[in-house]
Protein backbone atom coordinates (compact mmCIF):
# COMPACT_ATOMS: atom_id res chain seq x y z
CA MET A 1 -9.65 -1.80 17.76
CA GLY A 2 -9.33 -0.15 14.34
CA GLY A 3 -12.14 1.01 12.19
CA ILE A 4 -12.90 3.31 9.30
CA SER A 5 -12.09 6.83 10.55
CA GLN A 6 -13.47 8.87 7.63
CA ARG A 7 -16.39 8.44 5.30
CA GLY A 8 -15.68 7.32 1.70
CA LEU A 9 -17.00 9.37 -1.21
CA PHE A 10 -18.65 6.39 -2.90
CA GLY A 11 -20.72 5.03 -0.03
CA THR A 12 -18.32 3.68 2.59
CA ASN A 13 -19.52 4.96 5.98
CA LYS A 14 -17.08 5.41 8.87
CA SER A 15 -17.45 3.18 11.89
CA GLY A 16 -20.18 4.09 14.37
CA GLY A 17 -23.32 3.58 12.30
CA LEU A 18 -26.01 6.12 11.23
CA ILE A 19 -25.49 8.62 14.05
CA ALA A 20 -21.71 8.80 13.44
CA ASN A 21 -22.31 9.46 9.72
CA LEU A 22 -25.47 11.57 9.74
CA PHE A 23 -24.13 15.10 9.18
CA GLN A 24 -20.70 14.20 7.84
CA LYS A 25 -19.82 16.28 4.75
CA ASP A 26 -16.02 15.52 4.93
CA PHE A 27 -14.91 12.58 2.88
CA LYS A 28 -11.65 10.62 2.80
CA HIS A 29 -9.51 11.73 -0.07
CA VAL A 30 -8.34 8.57 -1.85
CA ALA A 31 -6.36 9.97 -4.81
CA ASN A 32 -6.32 6.56 -6.39
CA THR A 33 -7.36 7.13 -9.97
CA HIS A 34 -4.46 8.62 -11.92
CA VAL A 35 -0.92 9.99 -11.46
CA ILE A 36 1.02 12.45 -13.53
CA HIS A 37 4.80 12.99 -13.15
CA CYS A 38 5.92 16.54 -13.92
CA GLY A 39 9.41 17.83 -13.02
CA ASP A 40 10.31 16.74 -9.51
CA SER A 41 6.69 16.08 -8.48
CA LEU A 42 4.09 13.39 -8.79
CA TYR A 43 0.41 14.46 -8.75
CA ALA A 44 -2.07 11.86 -7.48
CA LEU A 45 -5.57 12.52 -8.88
CA TRP A 46 -9.09 11.39 -8.16
CA GLU A 47 -12.59 12.54 -9.01
CA GLY A 48 -13.60 14.27 -5.78
CA GLY A 49 -11.01 16.77 -4.81
CA LEU A 50 -7.67 18.50 -5.21
CA PRO A 51 -4.56 16.60 -6.33
CA TYR A 52 -2.03 15.34 -3.81
CA LEU A 53 1.52 16.57 -4.35
CA LEU A 54 3.93 13.67 -3.85
CA ASP A 55 7.69 13.06 -4.00
CA PRO A 56 8.12 10.60 -6.93
CA LEU A 57 10.93 8.71 -5.17
CA THR A 58 9.42 8.18 -1.72
CA LEU A 59 5.69 8.72 -2.58
CA ARG A 60 5.35 10.84 0.59
CA ASN A 61 3.23 13.97 0.55
CA LYS A 62 5.50 16.97 -0.17
CA ASN A 63 3.39 19.37 1.92
CA GLY A 64 2.66 17.10 4.91
CA ARG A 65 0.30 14.37 5.89
CA GLY A 66 -3.44 14.28 5.21
CA LYS A 67 -5.08 17.43 3.78
CA ALA A 68 -1.77 19.33 4.03
CA GLY A 69 -0.56 17.21 1.16
CA LEU A 70 -3.16 18.62 -1.19
CA THR A 71 -2.30 21.27 -3.77
CA ASP A 72 -4.40 23.87 -5.47
CA LEU A 73 -1.69 24.34 -8.07
CA ASP A 74 -0.77 27.76 -6.77
CA GLY A 75 -4.35 29.01 -6.49
CA LEU A 76 -5.53 27.76 -9.80
CA LEU A 77 -8.03 25.23 -8.39
CA SER A 78 -10.82 25.96 -5.99
CA ASP A 79 -12.66 22.67 -5.53
CA ASN A 80 -11.56 19.72 -7.61
CA PHE A 81 -9.56 18.60 -10.62
CA SER A 82 -10.65 15.71 -12.81
CA ALA A 83 -8.60 12.51 -12.61
CA HIS A 84 -8.61 12.28 -16.41
CA PRO A 85 -6.61 15.23 -17.80
CA ARG A 86 -5.92 15.10 -21.54
CA TYR A 87 -2.53 15.80 -23.05
CA ASP A 88 -2.29 18.35 -25.92
CA PRO A 89 0.93 17.55 -27.81
CA VAL A 90 0.68 20.73 -29.89
CA ARG A 91 0.62 23.07 -26.90
CA ASN A 92 2.55 20.66 -24.56
CA THR A 93 -0.21 21.06 -21.93
CA TYR A 94 -2.64 19.00 -19.90
CA VAL A 95 -6.21 20.13 -20.14
CA SER A 96 -8.70 19.15 -17.42
CA PHE A 97 -11.78 20.33 -15.61
CA GLY A 98 -13.30 20.67 -12.21
CA SER A 99 -16.95 20.94 -11.30
CA VAL A 100 -19.13 22.01 -8.38
CA PHE A 101 -22.79 22.30 -7.80
CA ASP A 102 -23.88 25.60 -6.06
CA GLN A 103 -26.92 24.50 -4.18
CA ILE A 104 -27.97 28.10 -3.35
CA LYS A 105 -28.01 29.35 -6.86
CA SER A 106 -28.93 25.90 -8.33
CA LYS A 107 -26.13 26.11 -10.80
CA TYR A 108 -23.56 23.48 -11.86
CA ILE A 109 -20.26 25.19 -12.66
CA VAL A 110 -17.66 23.40 -14.81
CA SER A 111 -14.20 25.09 -14.92
CA LEU A 112 -11.64 24.30 -17.57
CA TYR A 113 -7.89 24.19 -16.65
CA GLU A 114 -4.79 24.13 -18.83
CA VAL A 115 -1.43 23.42 -17.19
CA ASP A 116 2.04 23.17 -18.67
CA ALA A 117 3.09 19.54 -19.18
CA THR A 118 6.55 20.03 -17.73
CA THR A 119 5.74 22.15 -14.67
CA PHE A 120 2.02 21.41 -14.05
CA ARG A 121 1.43 25.16 -13.57
CA SER A 122 -1.18 27.35 -15.22
CA LYS A 123 -0.43 28.76 -18.63
CA ARG A 124 -2.98 31.58 -18.12
CA LYS A 125 -1.52 34.92 -17.18
CA ASN A 126 -4.51 36.03 -15.08
CA GLY A 127 -5.03 32.71 -13.37
CA VAL A 128 -8.80 32.77 -14.17
CA ALA A 129 -10.19 29.55 -15.56
CA PRO A 130 -12.91 29.74 -18.21
CA ASN A 131 -16.06 27.91 -17.25
CA PHE A 132 -19.54 27.09 -18.37
CA VAL A 133 -22.68 26.90 -16.25
CA LEU A 134 -25.45 24.34 -16.34
CA GLY A 135 -28.85 24.83 -14.66
CA ALA A 136 -28.88 21.43 -12.99
CA PRO A 137 -26.38 18.95 -11.66
CA ALA A 138 -24.69 16.55 -14.10
CA LEU A 139 -22.42 13.60 -13.84
CA ILE A 140 -19.33 14.59 -15.91
CA HIS A 141 -16.69 11.93 -15.71
CA ASP A 142 -14.50 12.48 -18.74
CA PHE A 143 -14.18 14.47 -21.91
CA ILE A 144 -12.63 14.48 -25.39
CA LEU A 145 -9.98 17.04 -26.40
CA THR A 146 -9.76 18.04 -30.05
CA THR A 147 -7.68 20.65 -31.77
CA ASN A 148 -10.22 23.37 -31.00
CA TYR A 149 -12.70 22.00 -28.51
CA CYS A 150 -13.23 20.17 -25.23
CA ASN A 151 -16.28 17.90 -25.86
CA PHE A 152 -18.26 16.83 -22.79
CA PHE A 153 -21.11 14.28 -22.62
CA LEU A 154 -23.77 15.78 -20.38
CA ASN A 155 -26.24 13.27 -19.07
CA ASP A 156 -29.63 14.13 -17.64
CA THR A 157 -29.36 13.71 -13.86
CA ARG A 158 -32.37 13.47 -11.54
CA ILE A 159 -31.97 12.69 -7.93
CA ASN A 160 -34.64 10.81 -5.96
CA VAL A 161 -34.05 12.41 -2.63
CA MET A 162 -35.96 9.81 -0.62
CA SER A 163 -33.89 6.95 -2.14
CA ALA A 164 -30.70 8.87 -1.58
CA ILE A 165 -31.22 9.23 2.21
CA LYS A 166 -31.96 5.46 2.79
């Protein structure tokens, strides 16, 4: 019989109960939040990982099935890419961000990305994304793009560890 083969990011456990899910850090990549069509590619985005690179006519992963279909945009991305990029009509770019919490250093790192709107490739010559660092985790879902700034709403996040492991 069928069952859920991979754990979902937002709470869906895979089949097999507590023991099957106990030390699982790998999540199913759903890429179900936003799509952007650039050139001959379609990029499927979500909040928890890298974009999928799809053929816009067949919707098949261009690089293969499963995780092989992910793209790091030629080395630009290391962990994730927001599902809510903002279009800058003056520069003809999409601006987005990715974030990761470094548990060892207890730092939350937010990287900013700017990609060409026609090619979805980085406009930075050195490939290095600017970032800012917070001293604690935050839930950053979206941002506002203005002429000169990316404005983020940073909410105070405190995690009750005992409630989280129930």
